[in-house]
């Protein structure tokens, strides 16, 4: 009695690639292109302090908000927990800022003027004594 022949099934495998073929395959494999960050706006415009206060921000970030209705800049910052703080700056041109008024020039009396004043005070003092008597 004989056993029937059962053929073994071996799936066909591609032949092993040599090193040169592997390098060629890697060369033509498309590499993922790095994502460029979105360009940041250089100036963010708001229409007043209320809109600046409502401007949403990510934690640990800062932004300068320019008021489109007034010469004002709002510097808004958020800490690590996302809690915002805001500083308000007036935009003033340097050349148009009024300088503090200059102090008046100090004038000094001469010794002769002081002696004349002392003589007048003495004369007034004597005339008051005479009037009182």
C-alpha atoms as a PDB file:
ATOM      1  CA  UNK A   1       0.000   0.000   0.000  1.00  0.00           C
ATOM      2  CA  UNK A   2       1.453   3.242  -0.935  1.00  0.00           C
ATOM      3  CA  UNK A   3       0.921   6.722   0.379  1.00  0.00           C
ATOM      4  CA  UNK A   4      -0.377   9.223  -2.118  1.00  0.00           C
ATOM      5  CA  UNK A   5       2.050  11.986  -3.022  1.00  0.00           C
ATOM      6  CA  UNK A   6       0.908  15.338  -1.568  1.00  0.00           C
ATOM      7  CA  UNK A   7       2.817  18.225  -3.042  1.00  0.00           C
ATOM      8  CA  UNK A   8       3.980  20.851  -0.553  1.00  0.00           C
ATOM      9  CA  UNK A   9       2.884  24.417  -1.364  1.00  0.00           C
ATOM     10  CA  UNK A  10       5.670  26.990  -1.143  1.00  0.00           C
ATOM     11  CA  UNK A  11       4.659  30.524  -2.141  1.00  0.00           C
ATOM     12  CA  UNK A  12       6.882  32.139  -4.702  1.00  0.00           C
ATOM     13  CA  UNK A  13       9.211  34.688  -3.124  1.00  0.00           C
ATOM     14  CA  UNK A  14      11.019  37.298  -5.118  1.00  0.00           C
ATOM     15  CA  UNK A  15      14.721  36.749  -5.312  1.00  0.00           C
ATOM     16  CA  UNK A  16      16.832  38.512  -2.702  1.00  0.00           C
ATOM     17  CA  UNK A  17      17.947  41.967  -3.895  1.00  0.00           C
ATOM     18  CA  UNK A  18      21.596  42.710  -4.027  1.00  0.00           C
ATOM     19  CA  UNK A  19      22.998  45.816  -2.318  1.00  0.00           C
ATOM     20  CA  UNK A  20      22.996  47.953  -5.465  1.00  0.00           C
ATOM     21  CA  UNK A  21      19.330  47.209  -6.117  1.00  0.00           C
ATOM     22  CA  UNK A  22      18.472  48.118  -2.505  1.00  0.00           C
ATOM     23  CA  UNK A  23      20.268  51.456  -2.797  1.00  0.00           C
ATOM     24  CA  UNK A  24      18.499  52.218  -6.072  1.00  0.00           C
ATOM     25  CA  UNK A  25      15.127  51.483  -4.478  1.00  0.00           C
ATOM     26  CA  UNK A  26      15.891  53.794  -1.536  1.00  0.00           C
ATOM     27  CA  UNK A  27      16.992  56.504  -3.938  1.00  0.00           C
ATOM     28  CA  UNK A  28      13.641  56.523  -5.704  1.00  0.00           C
ATOM     29  CA  UNK A  29      11.517  56.202  -2.582  1.00  0.00           C
ATOM     30  CA  UNK A  30       9.787  59.534  -2.143  1.00  0.00           C
ATOM     31  CA  UNK A  31      10.840  61.168   1.087  1.00  0.00           C
ATOM     32  CA  UNK A  32       8.206  63.089   3.034  1.00  0.00           C
ATOM     33  CA  UNK A  33       8.683  66.806   2.563  1.00  0.00           C
ATOM     34  CA  UNK A  34       9.110  68.758   5.767  1.00  0.00           C
ATOM     35  CA  UNK A  35       6.169  70.992   6.565  1.00  0.00           C
ATOM     36  CA  UNK A  36       7.087  74.650   6.542  1.00  0.00           C
ATOM     37  CA  UNK A  37       5.541  76.675   9.369  1.00  0.00           C
ATOM     38  CA  UNK A  38       2.813  79.036   8.296  1.00  0.00           C
ATOM     39  CA  UNK A  39       4.160  82.549   7.812  1.00  0.00           C
ATOM     40  CA  UNK A  40       3.381  84.768  10.781  1.00  0.00           C
ATOM     41  CA  UNK A  41       1.644  88.057  10.236  1.00  0.00           C
ATOM     42  CA  UNK A  42       3.993  90.898  10.921  1.00  0.00           C
ATOM     43  CA  UNK A  43       1.232  93.123  12.325  1.00  0.00           C
ATOM     44  CA  UNK A  44      -2.039  92.053  13.911  1.00  0.00           C
ATOM     45  CA  UNK A  45      -4.677  94.799  13.735  1.00  0.00           C
ATOM     46  CA  UNK A  46      -7.557  95.156  16.209  1.00  0.00           C
ATOM     47  CA  UNK A  47     -10.282  97.785  16.438  1.00  0.00           C
ATOM     48  CA  UNK A  48      -9.999  98.770  20.081  1.00  0.00           C
ATOM     49  CA  UNK A  49      -9.037  97.580  23.530  1.00  0.00           C
ATOM     50  CA  UNK A  50     -12.057  95.270  23.879  1.00  0.00           C
ATOM     51  CA  UNK A  51     -11.069  93.336  20.761  1.00  0.00           C
ATOM     52  CA  UNK A  52      -7.462  93.186  21.984  1.00  0.00           C
ATOM     53  CA  UNK A  53      -8.626  91.745  25.310  1.00  0.00           C
ATOM     54  CA  UNK A  54     -10.672  89.108  23.464  1.00  0.00           C
ATOM     55  CA  UNK A  55      -7.819  88.065  21.165  1.00  0.00           C
ATOM     56  CA  UNK A  56      -7.151  84.363  21.768  1.00  0.00           C
ATOM     57  CA  UNK A  57      -3.579  83.208  22.303  1.00  0.00           C
ATOM     58  CA  UNK A  58      -1.693  79.974  22.879  1.00  0.00           C
ATOM     59  CA  UNK A  59       0.071  79.453  26.227  1.00  0.00           C
ATOM     60  CA  UNK A  60       3.668  80.765  26.451  1.00  0.00           C
ATOM     61  CA  UNK A  61       3.205  83.243  23.617  1.00  0.00           C
ATOM     62  CA  UNK A  62       3.165  86.987  23.081  1.00  0.00           C
ATOM     63  CA  UNK A  63       1.766  89.228  20.367  1.00  0.00           C
ATOM     64  CA  UNK A  64       1.742  92.941  19.608  1.00  0.00           C
ATOM     65  CA  UNK A  65      -1.743  94.102  18.624  1.00  0.00           C
ATOM     66  CA  UNK A  66      -1.990  97.381  16.698  1.00  0.00           C
ATOM     67  CA  UNK A  67      -5.127  99.474  17.151  1.00  0.00           C
ATOM     68  CA  UNK A  68      -6.556 100.534  13.795  1.00  0.00           C
ATOM     69  CA  UNK A  69      -8.596 103.376  15.346  1.00  0.00           C
ATOM     70  CA  UNK A  70      -6.027 105.024  17.612  1.00  0.00           C
ATOM     71  CA  UNK A  71      -2.231 105.321  17.906  1.00  0.00           C
ATOM     72  CA  UNK A  72      -2.081 102.525  20.509  1.00  0.00           C
ATOM     73  CA  UNK A  73      -0.224  99.201  20.699  1.00  0.00           C
ATOM     74  CA  UNK A  74      -1.367  96.397  23.000  1.00  0.00           C
ATOM     75  CA  UNK A  75       1.286  93.897  24.099  1.00  0.00           C
ATOM     76  CA  UNK A  76      -0.576  90.740  25.093  1.00  0.00           C
ATOM     77  CA  UNK A  77       1.257  87.819  26.723  1.00  0.00           C
ATOM     78  CA  UNK A  78       0.060  84.429  27.964  1.00  0.00           C
ATOM     79  CA  UNK A  79       1.849  82.422  30.657  1.00  0.00           C
ATOM     80  CA  UNK A  80       2.291  78.638  30.723  1.00  0.00           C
ATOM     81  CA  UNK A  81      -1.260  78.117  31.993  1.00  0.00           C
ATOM     82  CA  UNK A  82      -2.673  80.352  29.227  1.00  0.00           C
ATOM     83  CA  UNK A  83      -3.573  83.255  31.549  1.00  0.00           C
ATOM     84  CA  UNK A  84      -3.208  86.474  29.522  1.00  0.00           C
ATOM     85  CA  UNK A  85      -1.829  89.835  30.623  1.00  0.00           C
ATOM     86  CA  UNK A  86      -1.848  92.993  28.545  1.00  0.00           C
ATOM     87  CA  UNK A  87       0.154  96.214  28.518  1.00  0.00           C
ATOM     88  CA  UNK A  88      -1.034  99.314  26.643  1.00  0.00           C
ATOM     89  CA  UNK A  89       1.429 101.656  24.920  1.00  0.00           C
ATOM     90  CA  UNK A  90       0.695 104.973  23.222  1.00  0.00           C
ATOM     91  CA  UNK A  91       2.410 105.361  19.880  1.00  0.00           C
ATOM     92  CA  UNK A  92       4.000 108.822  19.882  1.00  0.00           C
ATOM     93  CA  UNK A  93       6.446 110.149  17.352  1.00  0.00           C
ATOM     94  CA  UNK A  94       9.708 111.250  18.920  1.00  0.00           C
ATOM     95  CA  UNK A  95       9.928 114.584  17.115  1.00  0.00           C
ATOM     96  CA  UNK A  96       6.437 115.708  18.148  1.00  0.00           C
ATOM     97  CA  UNK A  97       6.751 114.965  21.859  1.00  0.00           C
ATOM     98  CA  UNK A  98       6.724 118.218  23.805  1.00  0.00           C
ATOM     99  CA  UNK A  99       9.813 118.718  25.913  1.00  0.00           C
ATOM    100  CA  UNK A 100       9.436 119.741  29.535  1.00  0.00           C
ATOM    101  CA  UNK A 101       9.558 123.518  29.895  1.00  0.00           C
ATOM    102  CA  UNK A 102      13.008 124.784  30.696  1.00  0.00           C
ATOM    103  CA  UNK A 103      13.534 126.000  34.240  1.00  0.00           C
ATOM    104  CA  UNK A 104      13.746 129.785  34.445  1.00  0.00           C
ATOM    105  CA  UNK A 105      17.232 131.166  34.697  1.00  0.00           C
ATOM    106  CA  UNK A 106      18.237 131.861  38.288  1.00  0.00           C
ATOM    107  CA  UNK A 107      19.236 135.453  38.969  1.00  0.00           C
ATOM    108  CA  UNK A 108      21.442 136.309  41.895  1.00  0.00           C
ATOM    109  CA  UNK A 109      21.490 139.620  43.759  1.00  0.00           C
ATOM    110  CA  UNK A 110      24.748 141.466  44.093  1.00  0.00           C
ATOM    111  CA  UNK A 111      26.139 142.483  47.495  1.00  0.00           C
ATOM    112  CA  UNK A 112      25.295 146.099  46.799  1.00  0.00           C
ATOM    113  CA  UNK A 113      21.630 145.202  46.069  1.00  0.00           C
ATOM    114  CA  UNK A 114      21.416 143.159  49.292  1.00  0.00           C
ATOM    115  CA  UNK A 115      22.908 146.040  51.324  1.00  0.00           C
ATOM    116  CA  UNK A 116      20.377 148.453  49.784  1.00  0.00           C
ATOM    117  CA  UNK A 117      17.511 146.067  50.635  1.00  0.00           C
ATOM    118  CA  UNK A 118      18.762 145.701  54.214  1.00  0.00           C
ATOM    119  CA  UNK A 119      18.892 149.505  54.551  1.00  0.00           C
ATOM    120  CA  UNK A 120      15.264 149.783  53.315  1.00  0.00           C
ATOM    121  CA  UNK A 121      14.115 147.119  55.791  1.00  0.00           C
ATOM    122  CA  UNK A 122      15.878 148.960  58.625  1.00  0.00           C
ATOM    123  CA  UNK A 123      14.272 152.236  57.556  1.00  0.00           C
ATOM    124  CA  UNK A 124      10.819 150.632  57.488  1.00  0.00           C
ATOM    125  CA  UNK A 125      11.426 149.113  60.914  1.00  0.00           C
ATOM    126  CA  UNK A 126      12.414 152.551  62.338  1.00  0.00           C
ATOM    127  CA  UNK A 127       9.411 154.280  60.804  1.00  0.00           C
ATOM    128  CA  UNK A 128       7.045 151.687  62.354  1.00  0.00           C
ATOM    129  CA  UNK A 129       8.606 152.264  65.795  1.00  0.00           C
ATOM    130  CA  UNK A 130       8.166 156.007  65.441  1.00  0.00           C
ATOM    131  CA  UNK A 131       4.532 155.591  64.369  1.00  0.00           C
ATOM    132  CA  UNK A 132       3.862 153.337  67.319  1.00  0.00           C
ATOM    133  CA  UNK A 133       5.150 155.948  69.830  1.00  0.00           C
END
